[in-house]
N, C-alpha and C. Protein backbone atom coordinates (compact mmCIF):
# COMPACT_ATOMS: atom_id res chain seq x y z
N MET A 1 112.28 91.78 55.13
CA MET A 1 112.39 92.97 55.61
C MET A 1 111.82 92.92 56.92
N LYS A 2 110.39 92.81 56.92
CA LYS A 2 109.16 92.90 57.80
C LYS A 2 109.65 91.68 58.78
N HIS A 3 110.51 91.07 58.46
CA HIS A 3 110.55 89.65 59.31
C HIS A 3 111.64 90.17 60.55
N ILE A 4 112.52 90.93 59.93
CA ILE A 4 113.88 91.56 60.58
C ILE A 4 113.09 92.48 61.69
N LYS A 5 112.27 93.34 61.10
CA LYS A 5 111.62 94.48 62.00
C LYS A 5 111.16 93.66 63.18
N LYS A 6 110.06 92.71 63.05
CA LYS A 6 109.59 91.98 64.10
C LYS A 6 110.53 91.44 65.03
N ILE A 7 111.48 90.98 64.60
CA ILE A 7 112.49 90.33 65.67
C ILE A 7 113.24 91.67 66.03
N LEU A 8 113.88 92.76 65.62
CA LEU A 8 114.55 93.93 66.29
C LEU A 8 114.02 94.92 66.88
N LEU A 9 112.81 95.01 66.45
CA LEU A 9 112.00 96.03 67.47
C LEU A 9 112.20 95.79 68.94
N PRO A 10 111.33 94.40 69.35
CA PRO A 10 111.42 94.05 70.77
C PRO A 10 112.84 94.30 71.38
N TRP A 11 114.01 93.69 70.38
CA TRP A 11 115.15 93.59 71.10
C TRP A 11 115.95 94.94 71.31
N MET A 12 115.52 96.27 70.55
CA MET A 12 115.60 97.30 70.69
C MET A 12 114.87 98.07 72.08
N ILE A 13 113.82 97.53 72.27
CA ILE A 13 113.06 97.94 73.47
C ILE A 13 113.53 97.34 74.66
N ILE A 14 114.37 95.95 74.52
CA ILE A 14 114.75 95.37 75.80
C ILE A 14 115.95 96.11 76.07
N ILE A 15 116.97 96.35 75.00
CA ILE A 15 118.13 97.05 75.14
C ILE A 15 117.89 98.37 75.68
N LEU A 16 116.94 99.31 75.30
CA LEU A 16 116.64 100.56 75.58
C LEU A 16 116.20 100.47 77.24
N PHE A 17 115.44 99.37 77.51
CA PHE A 17 114.77 99.64 78.81
C PHE A 17 116.14 99.20 80.03
N VAL A 18 117.14 98.32 79.30
CA VAL A 18 118.27 98.10 80.10
C VAL A 18 119.10 99.29 80.42
N VAL A 19 119.50 99.90 79.43
CA VAL A 19 120.37 101.04 79.46
C VAL A 19 119.61 101.87 80.26
N ILE A 20 118.36 102.34 80.42
CA ILE A 20 117.49 103.02 81.27
C ILE A 20 117.54 102.96 82.54
N ILE A 21 117.75 101.40 82.99
CA ILE A 21 118.17 101.03 84.33
C ILE A 21 119.50 101.20 84.62
N PHE A 22 120.32 100.78 83.99
CA PHE A 22 121.76 101.06 84.22
C PHE A 22 122.09 102.46 84.76
N MET A 23 121.51 103.62 83.62
CA MET A 23 121.56 104.96 84.04
C MET A 23 121.20 105.28 85.39
N LEU A 24 119.83 104.88 85.82
CA LEU A 24 119.08 104.87 86.84
C LEU A 24 120.03 104.65 88.14
N TYR A 25 120.56 103.20 88.04
CA TYR A 25 121.23 102.88 88.99
C TYR A 25 122.26 103.44 89.25
N ASN A 26 123.24 103.99 88.01
CA ASN A 26 124.39 104.60 88.17
C ASN A 26 124.16 106.33 88.81
N ARG A 27 123.25 106.67 88.58
CA ARG A 27 122.48 107.91 89.39
C ARG A 27 122.40 107.95 90.62
N MET A 28 121.87 106.77 91.11
CA MET A 28 121.54 106.26 92.44
C MET A 28 122.86 106.44 93.03
N GLU A 29 123.63 105.91 92.75
CA GLU A 29 124.62 105.61 93.25
C GLU A 29 125.79 106.59 93.62
N GLU A 30 125.37 107.98 92.96
CA GLU A 30 126.18 109.01 93.23
C GLU A 30 125.83 109.19 94.80
N ASN A 31 124.33 109.05 95.07
CA ASN A 31 123.96 109.88 96.37
C ASN A 31 124.80 108.55 97.57
N TYR A 32 125.33 107.31 97.33
CA TYR A 32 125.59 106.53 98.25
C TYR A 32 126.96 106.35 98.13
N ILE A 33 127.32 105.70 99.16
CA ILE A 33 128.84 105.29 99.15
C ILE A 33 128.60 103.53 99.23
N ASP A 34 129.12 102.82 98.38
CA ASP A 34 129.14 101.13 98.71
C ASP A 34 130.53 100.91 99.32
N MET A 35 129.89 100.28 100.52
CA MET A 35 131.46 99.88 101.45
C MET A 35 131.55 98.56 101.18
N GLY A 36 130.71 97.80 100.50
CA GLY A 36 130.67 96.40 100.49
C GLY A 36 130.29 95.70 101.61
N GLU A 37 129.85 94.50 101.48
CA GLU A 37 129.50 93.43 102.15
C GLU A 37 129.93 93.41 103.74
N ASP A 38 131.01 93.52 103.90
CA ASP A 38 131.86 93.51 105.17
C ASP A 38 132.33 95.12 105.87
N ALA A 39 130.95 96.02 105.31
CA ALA A 39 131.19 97.49 105.88
C ALA A 39 131.01 97.32 107.10
N ASP A 40 131.58 98.01 107.87
CA ASP A 40 131.17 98.20 109.42
C ASP A 40 130.05 98.75 109.58
N ARG A 41 129.26 98.42 110.59
CA ARG A 41 128.03 99.03 110.70
C ARG A 41 128.08 100.32 111.58
N PRO A 42 127.23 101.31 111.53
CA PRO A 42 127.69 102.62 112.29
C PRO A 42 127.38 102.16 113.57
N THR A 43 128.11 103.16 114.39
CA THR A 43 127.90 103.08 115.86
C THR A 43 127.12 104.33 116.38
N GLU A 44 126.84 105.19 115.64
CA GLU A 44 125.72 106.38 116.05
C GLU A 44 125.22 106.63 115.20
N LEU A 45 124.25 107.62 115.33
CA LEU A 45 123.24 107.97 114.25
C LEU A 45 123.88 108.32 113.37
N HIS A 46 123.37 108.60 111.98
CA HIS A 46 124.15 109.35 111.16
C HIS A 46 123.77 110.75 111.64
N PRO A 47 124.69 111.83 111.02
CA PRO A 47 124.93 113.18 111.24
C PRO A 47 123.70 113.87 110.94
N ILE A 48 123.06 113.48 109.66
CA ILE A 48 121.95 114.53 109.94
C ILE A 48 120.57 113.88 110.27
N VAL A 49 120.55 112.32 110.75
CA VAL A 49 119.64 112.25 111.70
C VAL A 49 119.71 112.70 113.01
N GLU A 50 120.67 113.07 113.46
CA GLU A 50 121.19 113.51 114.91
C GLU A 50 120.76 114.96 114.79
N GLU A 51 121.13 115.36 113.64
CA GLU A 51 120.86 117.09 113.60
C GLU A 51 119.02 117.26 113.55
N LYS A 52 118.41 116.51 112.81
CA LYS A 52 117.45 116.66 112.67
C LYS A 52 116.53 116.25 113.70
N LYS A 53 116.82 115.46 114.72
CA LYS A 53 116.69 114.87 115.87
C LYS A 53 116.32 116.15 116.64
N ASN A 54 117.31 116.66 116.95
CA ASN A 54 117.82 117.78 117.91
C ASN A 54 116.89 118.92 117.23
N GLU A 55 116.65 119.11 116.08
CA GLU A 55 115.61 120.28 115.78
C GLU A 55 114.37 119.70 116.11
N LEU A 56 113.92 118.45 115.86
CA LEU A 56 112.51 118.06 116.25
C LEU A 56 112.24 118.64 117.55
N LEU A 57 113.33 118.15 118.68
CA LEU A 57 113.19 118.36 120.14
C LEU A 57 112.64 119.78 120.11
N GLU A 58 113.74 120.71 119.64
CA GLU A 58 113.64 122.12 119.94
C GLU A 58 112.10 122.64 119.41
N GLN A 59 111.73 122.00 118.06
CA GLN A 59 110.53 122.41 117.64
C GLN A 59 109.07 122.02 118.56
N ALA A 60 109.31 121.03 118.77
CA ALA A 60 108.16 120.50 120.00
C ALA A 60 108.17 121.32 121.11
N ALA A 61 109.34 121.53 121.59
CA ALA A 61 109.40 122.00 123.01
C ALA A 61 108.68 123.66 122.89
N ALA A 62 108.95 124.18 121.60
CA ALA A 62 108.27 125.72 121.42
C ALA A 62 106.91 125.68 121.30
N ILE A 63 105.90 124.44 121.17
CA ILE A 63 104.76 124.21 121.16
C ILE A 63 104.47 123.66 122.37
N ASP A 64 105.31 123.39 123.50
CA ASP A 64 105.05 123.01 124.81
C ASP A 64 104.57 121.61 124.77
N ILE A 65 105.51 120.59 124.13
CA ILE A 65 105.41 119.48 124.12
C ILE A 65 106.77 119.14 124.51
N ASP A 66 106.86 118.01 125.45
CA ASP A 66 108.14 117.54 125.90
C ASP A 66 108.19 116.08 125.17
N VAL A 67 109.18 116.15 124.30
CA VAL A 67 109.46 114.73 123.70
C VAL A 67 110.60 114.21 124.24
N VAL A 68 110.44 112.82 124.38
CA VAL A 68 111.46 112.11 125.06
C VAL A 68 112.29 111.01 123.95
N ILE A 69 113.27 110.89 123.56
CA ILE A 69 113.75 110.20 122.44
C ILE A 69 114.52 108.69 123.28
N THR A 70 113.33 107.69 123.13
CA THR A 70 113.62 106.47 123.76
C THR A 70 114.52 105.43 123.27
N ASP A 71 114.98 105.56 122.06
CA ASP A 71 115.99 104.64 121.28
C ASP A 71 116.32 105.23 120.23
N GLU A 72 117.81 105.20 120.02
CA GLU A 72 118.63 105.69 118.98
C GLU A 72 119.02 104.43 118.04
N MET A 73 120.44 104.70 117.97
CA MET A 73 121.30 103.58 117.25
C MET A 73 120.92 102.02 118.46
N ARG A 74 120.89 101.37 117.64
CA ARG A 74 120.62 99.90 117.84
C ARG A 74 121.61 99.02 117.68
N SER A 75 121.96 97.93 118.76
CA SER A 75 123.01 96.99 118.03
C SER A 75 122.09 95.77 117.41
N MET A 76 122.65 94.72 116.80
CA MET A 76 122.09 93.72 116.17
C MET A 76 121.49 92.84 117.51
N GLU A 77 122.36 92.71 118.44
CA GLU A 77 121.76 91.82 119.59
C GLU A 77 120.74 92.34 120.06
N ARG A 78 120.42 93.71 120.55
CA ARG A 78 119.57 94.32 120.88
C ARG A 78 118.30 94.37 120.04
N GLN A 79 118.76 94.44 118.61
CA GLN A 79 117.24 94.20 117.83
C GLN A 79 116.62 92.79 117.79
N ASP A 80 117.73 91.65 118.06
CA ASP A 80 117.23 90.11 118.21
C ASP A 80 116.42 90.44 119.50
N GLU A 81 117.08 90.82 120.68
CA GLU A 81 116.11 90.99 121.81
C GLU A 81 114.94 91.54 121.77
N LEU A 82 114.68 92.62 121.15
CA LEU A 82 113.25 93.26 120.89
C LEU A 82 112.45 92.29 119.89
N TYR A 83 113.11 91.77 118.99
CA TYR A 83 112.11 90.79 118.19
C TYR A 83 111.63 89.47 118.64
N GLU A 84 112.48 89.04 119.81
CA GLU A 84 111.93 87.90 120.60
C GLU A 84 110.99 88.21 121.49
N GLN A 85 110.94 89.69 122.08
CA GLN A 85 109.75 90.13 122.92
C GLN A 85 108.38 89.81 122.35
N GLY A 86 107.81 89.17 123.10
CA GLY A 86 106.24 88.67 122.83
C GLY A 86 106.39 87.31 121.98
N ARG A 87 107.48 86.69 121.54
CA ARG A 87 107.47 85.66 120.83
C ARG A 87 107.86 84.64 121.74
N SER A 88 109.31 84.65 122.02
CA SER A 88 109.96 83.77 123.22
C SER A 88 110.21 84.05 124.59
N THR A 89 109.91 85.50 124.65
CA THR A 89 110.07 86.04 125.64
C THR A 89 109.01 86.85 126.22
N ASN A 90 108.71 87.35 127.47
CA ASN A 90 107.31 88.10 127.82
C ASN A 90 107.20 89.60 127.06
N GLY A 91 106.10 90.01 127.08
CA GLY A 91 105.83 91.32 126.70
C GLY A 91 105.13 91.40 125.42
N ASN A 92 104.60 92.54 124.85
CA ASN A 92 104.21 92.91 123.61
C ASN A 92 105.05 92.72 122.47
N ILE A 93 104.60 92.06 121.53
CA ILE A 93 105.64 92.33 119.89
C ILE A 93 105.73 94.10 120.07
N VAL A 94 107.07 94.44 119.48
CA VAL A 94 106.97 95.58 119.27
C VAL A 94 107.84 95.81 118.16
N THR A 95 108.30 95.01 117.10
CA THR A 95 109.05 94.94 116.12
C THR A 95 108.86 93.48 115.01
N ASN A 96 109.03 93.72 114.02
CA ASN A 96 108.83 92.58 113.32
C ASN A 96 110.34 92.42 112.52
N ALA A 97 111.38 93.17 112.84
CA ALA A 97 112.63 93.43 112.51
C ALA A 97 113.48 92.60 113.29
N ARG A 98 114.40 91.62 112.62
CA ARG A 98 115.58 90.96 113.21
C ARG A 98 116.68 91.84 113.31
N GLY A 99 117.71 91.57 114.07
CA GLY A 99 118.83 92.14 113.75
C GLY A 99 119.47 92.44 112.31
N GLY A 100 119.60 93.54 111.88
CA GLY A 100 120.41 93.85 110.55
C GLY A 100 119.05 94.29 109.81
N GLU A 101 118.01 93.88 110.22
CA GLU A 101 116.74 94.37 109.28
C GLU A 101 115.89 95.75 109.85
N SER A 102 116.60 96.50 110.61
CA SER A 102 115.81 97.75 110.89
C SER A 102 117.00 99.04 110.81
N TYR A 103 116.11 99.95 110.48
CA TYR A 103 116.87 101.27 110.43
C TYR A 103 117.61 101.75 111.08
N HIS A 104 117.39 101.30 112.90
CA HIS A 104 117.91 101.76 114.00
C HIS A 104 119.34 101.03 113.84
N ASN A 105 119.82 99.92 112.90
CA ASN A 105 120.72 99.14 113.22
C ASN A 105 121.99 99.87 112.22
N TYR A 106 121.29 100.82 111.51
CA TYR A 106 122.37 101.73 110.69
C TYR A 106 122.31 103.33 111.03
N GLY A 107 121.82 103.48 112.20
CA GLY A 107 121.81 104.62 112.73
C GLY A 107 120.95 105.71 112.05
N LEU A 108 120.07 105.25 111.13
CA LEU A 108 118.88 106.16 110.36
C LEU A 108 117.44 106.32 111.27
N ALA A 109 117.41 105.83 112.48
CA ALA A 109 116.21 105.63 113.21
C ALA A 109 116.12 106.24 114.64
N ILE A 110 115.08 106.70 114.97
CA ILE A 110 114.85 107.27 116.50
C ILE A 110 113.54 106.78 116.88
N ASP A 111 113.43 106.48 118.17
CA ASP A 111 111.78 106.29 118.64
C ASP A 111 111.51 107.28 119.96
N TYR A 112 110.64 107.83 119.82
CA TYR A 112 110.26 108.61 120.69
C TYR A 112 108.76 108.25 121.71
N ALA A 113 108.67 109.24 122.64
CA ALA A 113 107.66 109.03 123.43
C ALA A 113 107.59 110.62 123.97
N LEU A 114 106.54 110.60 124.75
CA LEU A 114 106.04 112.06 125.58
C LEU A 114 106.22 112.08 127.25
N ARG A 115 106.62 113.09 127.58
CA ARG A 115 106.78 113.29 128.90
C ARG A 115 105.55 114.19 129.58
N ASP A 116 104.80 113.61 130.51
CA ASP A 116 103.66 113.95 130.71
C ASP A 116 103.88 115.25 131.92
N ASP A 117 102.66 115.87 132.44
CA ASP A 117 102.92 117.00 133.19
C ASP A 117 103.66 116.39 134.61
N ASN A 118 103.31 115.43 135.07
CA ASN A 118 103.87 114.78 136.33
C ASN A 118 105.41 114.16 136.05
N GLY A 119 105.67 114.38 134.87
CA GLY A 119 107.48 113.98 134.48
C GLY A 119 107.30 112.48 134.04
N GLY A 120 106.27 111.97 133.75
CA GLY A 120 106.27 110.46 133.73
C GLY A 120 106.40 110.34 131.85
N VAL A 121 107.12 109.20 131.46
CA VAL A 121 107.21 108.93 130.06
C VAL A 121 105.93 107.97 129.73
N ILE A 122 105.47 108.56 128.82
CA ILE A 122 104.15 107.89 128.31
C ILE A 122 104.12 107.59 126.83
N TRP A 123 103.24 106.72 126.51
CA TRP A 123 103.14 106.03 124.93
C TRP A 123 101.71 106.60 124.43
N ASP A 124 100.97 107.40 125.21
CA ASP A 124 99.77 107.34 124.97
C ASP A 124 99.44 108.23 123.57
N ILE A 125 99.03 107.72 122.53
CA ILE A 125 98.92 108.81 121.27
C ILE A 125 97.72 109.57 121.35
N HIS A 126 96.95 109.37 122.23
CA HIS A 126 95.73 110.52 122.60
C HIS A 126 95.92 112.04 123.36
N TYR A 127 97.23 111.72 124.03
CA TYR A 127 97.49 112.69 125.26
C TYR A 127 97.56 114.20 124.30
N ASP A 128 96.64 115.25 125.05
CA ASP A 128 97.23 116.52 124.79
C ASP A 128 97.56 117.29 125.81
N GLY A 129 98.98 117.20 126.24
CA GLY A 129 99.30 117.86 127.12
C GLY A 129 99.54 119.53 127.13
N ASN A 130 99.48 120.18 125.69
CA ASN A 130 99.66 121.34 125.68
C ASN A 130 98.37 122.05 125.46
N ASP A 131 97.23 121.25 125.80
CA ASP A 131 95.86 121.44 125.84
C ASP A 131 95.41 122.58 124.50
N ASN A 132 96.04 122.13 123.05
CA ASN A 132 95.51 122.64 122.03
C ASN A 132 94.58 121.97 121.30
N GLY A 133 93.82 120.75 121.75
CA GLY A 133 92.73 119.70 121.03
C GLY A 133 93.32 119.16 119.92
N VAL A 134 94.41 118.91 120.05
CA VAL A 134 95.68 118.09 119.19
C VAL A 134 96.44 117.31 119.86
N SER A 135 96.18 115.71 119.44
CA SER A 135 96.96 114.98 119.93
C SER A 135 98.52 115.35 119.88
N ASP A 136 99.33 115.38 121.07
CA ASP A 136 100.74 115.75 120.78
C ASP A 136 101.47 114.57 120.05
N TRP A 137 101.13 113.38 120.01
CA TRP A 137 101.93 112.18 119.46
C TRP A 137 101.65 112.91 117.74
N PHE A 138 100.73 113.06 117.74
CA PHE A 138 100.31 113.51 115.98
C PHE A 138 101.07 114.82 115.73
N GLU A 139 101.09 115.42 116.48
CA GLU A 139 101.95 116.90 116.21
C GLU A 139 103.38 116.51 116.14
N VAL A 140 103.78 115.79 116.73
CA VAL A 140 105.25 115.56 116.93
C VAL A 140 105.48 114.95 115.29
N ALA A 141 104.58 113.72 115.25
CA ALA A 141 104.70 113.14 113.86
C ALA A 141 104.56 114.03 112.86
N ASP A 142 103.85 114.97 112.77
CA ASP A 142 103.96 116.17 111.79
C ASP A 142 104.94 116.86 111.70
N LEU A 143 105.46 117.23 112.64
CA LEU A 143 107.03 117.99 112.81
C LEU A 143 107.81 117.10 112.45
N ALA A 144 108.04 115.93 112.45
CA ALA A 144 109.01 114.89 112.25
C ALA A 144 109.07 114.96 110.77
N LYS A 145 107.86 114.61 109.87
CA LYS A 145 107.69 114.52 108.94
C LYS A 145 108.03 115.98 107.83
N GLU A 146 107.88 116.94 108.37
CA GLU A 146 108.23 118.16 108.02
C GLU A 146 109.88 118.14 107.77
N LEU A 147 110.55 117.66 108.86
CA LEU A 147 111.97 117.58 109.17
C LEU A 147 112.67 116.61 108.04
N GLY A 148 111.76 115.87 107.37
CA GLY A 148 112.17 114.63 106.41
C GLY A 148 112.42 113.27 106.88
N PHE A 149 111.63 113.23 108.13
CA PHE A 149 111.39 111.97 108.42
C PHE A 149 110.58 111.22 107.86
N ASP A 150 110.45 109.93 107.97
CA ASP A 150 109.28 108.90 107.43
C ASP A 150 108.60 108.62 109.10
N TRP A 151 107.57 108.61 109.30
CA TRP A 151 107.01 108.13 110.32
C TRP A 151 106.32 106.65 110.40
N GLY A 152 106.79 106.00 111.43
CA GLY A 152 105.83 104.48 111.72
C GLY A 152 104.47 104.51 111.65
N GLY A 153 103.70 105.42 112.00
CA GLY A 153 102.34 105.40 112.20
C GLY A 153 101.82 105.28 110.73
N ASP A 154 102.86 105.71 109.58
CA ASP A 154 102.29 105.82 108.40
C ASP A 154 102.32 104.17 107.50
N LEU A 155 103.24 103.44 108.31
CA LEU A 155 103.47 102.30 107.56
C LEU A 155 102.11 101.36 107.31
N GLU A 156 102.22 100.41 106.22
CA GLU A 156 101.09 99.86 106.02
C GLU A 156 100.54 98.74 106.95
N ASN A 157 101.48 97.75 106.98
CA ASN A 157 101.51 96.47 107.86
C ASN A 157 101.52 96.43 109.03
N PHE A 158 102.47 97.27 109.63
CA PHE A 158 102.84 97.22 111.00
C PHE A 158 102.66 99.02 111.78
N LYS A 159 101.99 99.23 112.43
CA LYS A 159 101.86 100.50 112.75
C LYS A 159 102.91 100.64 114.03
N ASP A 160 103.87 101.46 113.65
CA ASP A 160 104.97 101.73 114.52
C ASP A 160 105.04 103.04 115.14
N TYR A 161 104.17 103.52 116.18
CA TYR A 161 103.81 104.86 116.27
C TYR A 161 105.07 105.85 116.95
N PRO A 162 105.83 105.01 117.52
CA PRO A 162 107.12 105.77 117.87
C PRO A 162 108.06 105.87 117.12
N HIS A 163 108.02 105.33 116.17
CA HIS A 163 109.30 105.24 114.96
C HIS A 163 109.50 106.28 114.03
N LEU A 164 110.73 106.77 113.72
CA LEU A 164 110.76 107.70 113.17
C LEU A 164 112.28 107.26 112.11
N GLN A 165 112.20 107.53 111.09
CA GLN A 165 113.43 107.10 110.00
C GLN A 165 113.90 108.04 109.28
N MET A 166 115.16 108.18 108.81
CA MET A 166 115.28 109.00 107.45
C MET A 166 116.22 107.62 106.71
N ASP A 167 115.54 107.18 105.65
CA ASP A 167 116.37 106.14 105.01
C ASP A 167 117.04 106.47 103.77
N PHE A 168 117.20 107.93 103.33
CA PHE A 168 117.61 108.42 102.08
C PHE A 168 117.62 107.48 100.99
N GLY A 169 116.60 106.95 100.75
CA GLY A 169 116.20 106.19 99.64
C GLY A 169 116.84 104.69 99.53
N LEU A 170 117.51 104.54 100.59
CA LEU A 170 118.42 102.88 100.62
C LEU A 170 117.28 102.17 101.47
N SER A 171 116.96 100.98 100.72
CA SER A 171 116.25 99.79 101.25
C SER A 171 117.15 99.10 102.56
N ILE A 172 116.63 98.46 102.93
CA ILE A 172 117.14 97.64 104.08
C ILE A 172 118.42 96.45 103.50
N HIS A 173 117.79 96.26 102.51
CA HIS A 173 118.59 95.22 101.68
C HIS A 173 120.01 95.67 101.05
N GLN A 174 119.76 96.88 100.68
CA GLN A 174 121.05 97.69 100.28
C GLN A 174 121.69 98.12 101.46
N LEU A 175 121.53 98.44 102.58
CA LEU A 175 122.03 98.46 103.57
C LEU A 175 123.15 97.30 104.24
N GLN A 176 122.20 96.10 104.20
CA GLN A 176 123.07 94.81 104.17
C GLN A 176 123.88 94.68 103.37
N LYS A 177 124.06 94.86 102.09
CA LYS A 177 124.92 94.88 101.27
C LYS A 177 126.17 96.11 101.19
N GLY A 178 125.90 97.00 102.30
CA GLY A 178 127.05 97.81 102.61
C GLY A 178 127.15 99.12 101.85
N MET A 179 125.88 99.58 101.52
CA MET A 179 125.50 100.84 101.15
C MET A 179 124.96 101.96 102.30
N ARG A 180 125.74 103.15 102.29
CA ARG A 180 125.49 103.84 102.84
C ARG A 180 125.34 105.48 102.50
N PRO A 181 124.44 105.91 103.09
CA PRO A 181 124.13 107.29 102.31
C PRO A 181 125.48 108.19 102.62
N ASP A 182 125.58 108.75 101.56
CA ASP A 182 126.77 109.79 101.15
C ASP A 182 126.49 110.80 102.15
N PRO A 183 127.59 111.16 103.10
CA PRO A 183 127.11 112.31 103.83
C PRO A 183 127.49 113.75 103.19
N GLU A 184 128.05 113.71 101.91
CA GLU A 184 128.04 115.10 101.12
C GLU A 184 126.68 115.16 100.48
N GLU A 185 126.18 114.16 100.03
CA GLU A 185 124.58 114.00 99.44
C GLU A 185 123.44 114.27 100.04
N ALA A 186 123.63 113.59 101.22
CA ALA A 186 122.35 112.70 101.91
C ALA A 186 121.66 114.07 102.76
N GLY A 187 122.20 114.85 102.83
CA GLY A 187 121.50 116.51 103.37
C GLY A 187 120.39 116.97 102.43
N ASP A 188 120.54 116.84 101.23
CA ASP A 188 119.71 116.95 100.20
C ASP A 188 118.59 116.26 100.07
N GLU A 189 118.63 114.66 100.42
CA GLU A 189 117.77 113.90 100.35
C GLU A 189 116.67 114.36 101.50
N ALA A 190 117.35 114.56 102.51
CA ALA A 190 116.68 114.80 103.85
C ALA A 190 115.66 116.03 103.83
N GLU A 191 115.92 116.86 102.91
CA GLU A 191 115.28 118.12 103.15
C GLU A 191 113.98 117.92 102.44
């Protein structure tokens, strides 16, 4: 009898673990639509990202910060061009993501900059145009995070200060496989 218990106990634990993983996976799928690997790529920002982007612009303007959205939806070709920048073409490296490896390619990311008092677009993270003693750049990042965006300045391996994204819990791999945020459920995730 002891021998049977020694054999059954580990198998019961393994089966329980598999059942839990299966349940979590199925629960996750309730918030997403699996469109399959041949899914069309979005051609515009996800509606919630668009809505939150507009709220960000309004909130920043209310505290006298002029935010400029410099990039939104990005084609695979454009993503590959940006990837080559600083590698095989002139310029600084601005991304480590090839086409299909960026949330921009799925309508889930935007990039921003600031407009200075002279009307110029700047990427100066220390600029304090509203003269409140705090960097406008970081004020915008804080507003964005309150709206549900993840900020590229918080990334560990590659600080991408202009980048804001809403991934709705989806990894790039899942997006590449055709999963998309469910428009009915994604609003709850972004809050």
